[in-house]
Each structure stands twice: as C-alpha cells, then as structure tokens.
C-alpha atoms as a PDB file:
ATOM      1  CA  UNK A   1       0.000   0.000   0.000  1.00  0.00           C
ATOM      2  CA  UNK A   2       1.473   3.323  -0.997  1.00  0.00           C
ATOM      3  CA  UNK A   3       0.397   6.893  -0.508  1.00  0.00           C
ATOM      4  CA  UNK A   4       1.246   8.559  -3.784  1.00  0.00           C
ATOM      5  CA  UNK A   5       4.816   7.512  -4.445  1.00  0.00           C
ATOM      6  CA  UNK A   6       5.905   7.342  -0.800  1.00  0.00           C
ATOM      7  CA  UNK A   7       5.618   4.000   0.962  1.00  0.00           C
ATOM      8  CA  UNK A   8       4.128   3.729   4.421  1.00  0.00           C
ATOM      9  CA  UNK A   9       7.532   2.695   5.803  1.00  0.00           C
ATOM     10  CA  UNK A  10       9.162   5.845   4.440  1.00  0.00           C
ATOM     11  CA  UNK A  11       6.283   7.938   5.767  1.00  0.00           C
ATOM     12  CA  UNK A  12       6.672   6.458   9.255  1.00  0.00           C
ATOM     13  CA  UNK A  13      10.443   6.967   9.078  1.00  0.00           C
ATOM     14  CA  UNK A  14       9.945  10.601   8.113  1.00  0.00           C
ATOM     15  CA  UNK A  15       7.446  11.063  10.944  1.00  0.00           C
ATOM     16  CA  UNK A  16       9.842   9.456  13.432  1.00  0.00           C
ATOM     17  CA  UNK A  17      12.715  11.679  12.289  1.00  0.00           C
ATOM     18  CA  UNK A  18      10.592  14.830  12.524  1.00  0.00           C
ATOM     19  CA  UNK A  19       9.264  13.987  15.988  1.00  0.00           C
ATOM     20  CA  UNK A  20      12.747  13.020  17.220  1.00  0.00           C
ATOM     21  CA  UNK A  21      14.176  16.281  15.912  1.00  0.00           C
ATOM     22  CA  UNK A  22      11.391  18.347  17.441  1.00  0.00           C
ATOM     23  CA  UNK A  23      11.698  16.588  20.790  1.00  0.00           C
ATOM     24  CA  UNK A  24      15.379  17.479  20.926  1.00  0.00           C
ATOM     25  CA  UNK A  25      14.620  21.142  20.205  1.00  0.00           C
ATOM     26  CA  UNK A  26      11.563  21.562  22.423  1.00  0.00           C
ATOM     27  CA  UNK A  27      10.180  19.523  25.277  1.00  0.00           C
ATOM     28  CA  UNK A  28       7.592  17.115  23.873  1.00  0.00           C
ATOM     29  CA  UNK A  29       6.020  14.730  26.385  1.00  0.00           C
ATOM     30  CA  UNK A  30       6.218  11.683  24.093  1.00  0.00           C
ATOM     31  CA  UNK A  31       6.976   8.401  25.885  1.00  0.00           C
ATOM     32  CA  UNK A  32      10.026   6.495  24.658  1.00  0.00           C
ATOM     33  CA  UNK A  33       7.840   3.417  24.098  1.00  0.00           C
ATOM     34  CA  UNK A  34       5.824   5.297  21.474  1.00  0.00           C
ATOM     35  CA  UNK A  35       8.990   6.397  19.682  1.00  0.00           C
ATOM     36  CA  UNK A  36      10.365   2.854  19.848  1.00  0.00           C
ATOM     37  CA  UNK A  37       7.208   1.341  18.379  1.00  0.00           C
ATOM     38  CA  UNK A  38       7.149   3.952  15.624  1.00  0.00           C
ATOM     39  CA  UNK A  39      10.787   3.240  14.733  1.00  0.00           C
ATOM     40  CA  UNK A  40      10.197  -0.522  14.832  1.00  0.00           C
ATOM     41  CA  UNK A  41       7.157  -0.304  12.546  1.00  0.00           C
ATOM     42  CA  UNK A  42       9.016   1.911  10.103  1.00  0.00           C
ATOM     43  CA  UNK A  43      11.971  -0.491   9.987  1.00  0.00           C
ATOM     44  CA  UNK A  44       9.803  -3.566   9.489  1.00  0.00           C
ATOM     45  CA  UNK A  45       7.732  -1.949   6.747  1.00  0.00           C
ATOM     46  CA  UNK A  46      10.880  -0.765   4.967  1.00  0.00           C
ATOM     47  CA  UNK A  47      12.346  -4.268   5.090  1.00  0.00           C
ATOM     48  CA  UNK A  48       9.121  -5.798   3.820  1.00  0.00           C
ATOM     49  CA  UNK A  49       9.008  -3.194   1.068  1.00  0.00           C
ATOM     50  CA  UNK A  50       5.763  -1.454   1.892  1.00  0.00           C
END
C-alpha cells in the first residue's frame, strides 16, 4: 500500500525523524515506548518493502 509515491515505511520513518528532531529542540512529552514502536514499525515496513 502506498500513498502517492511514498511508501508507508518511508512515511513512518519521516514522521519518526521529525518527531525526534522536534523533541530534541523543544520539550515534547512523548513516551520512549511510542517512539520505539514507531521506529520498529518503520523499519519492518521498509524491510518488507511497503
């Protein structure tokens, strides 16, 4: 399943990178478990090719 030309894995990776960057610049109360799950899903979907 793709959204336009960007795969879901790449979209999740981009989201993870943006949120990680923002959390280092400003204080975002995002639990590390949420970030870990997001990174794990992005990695798995990229490996699967979705």
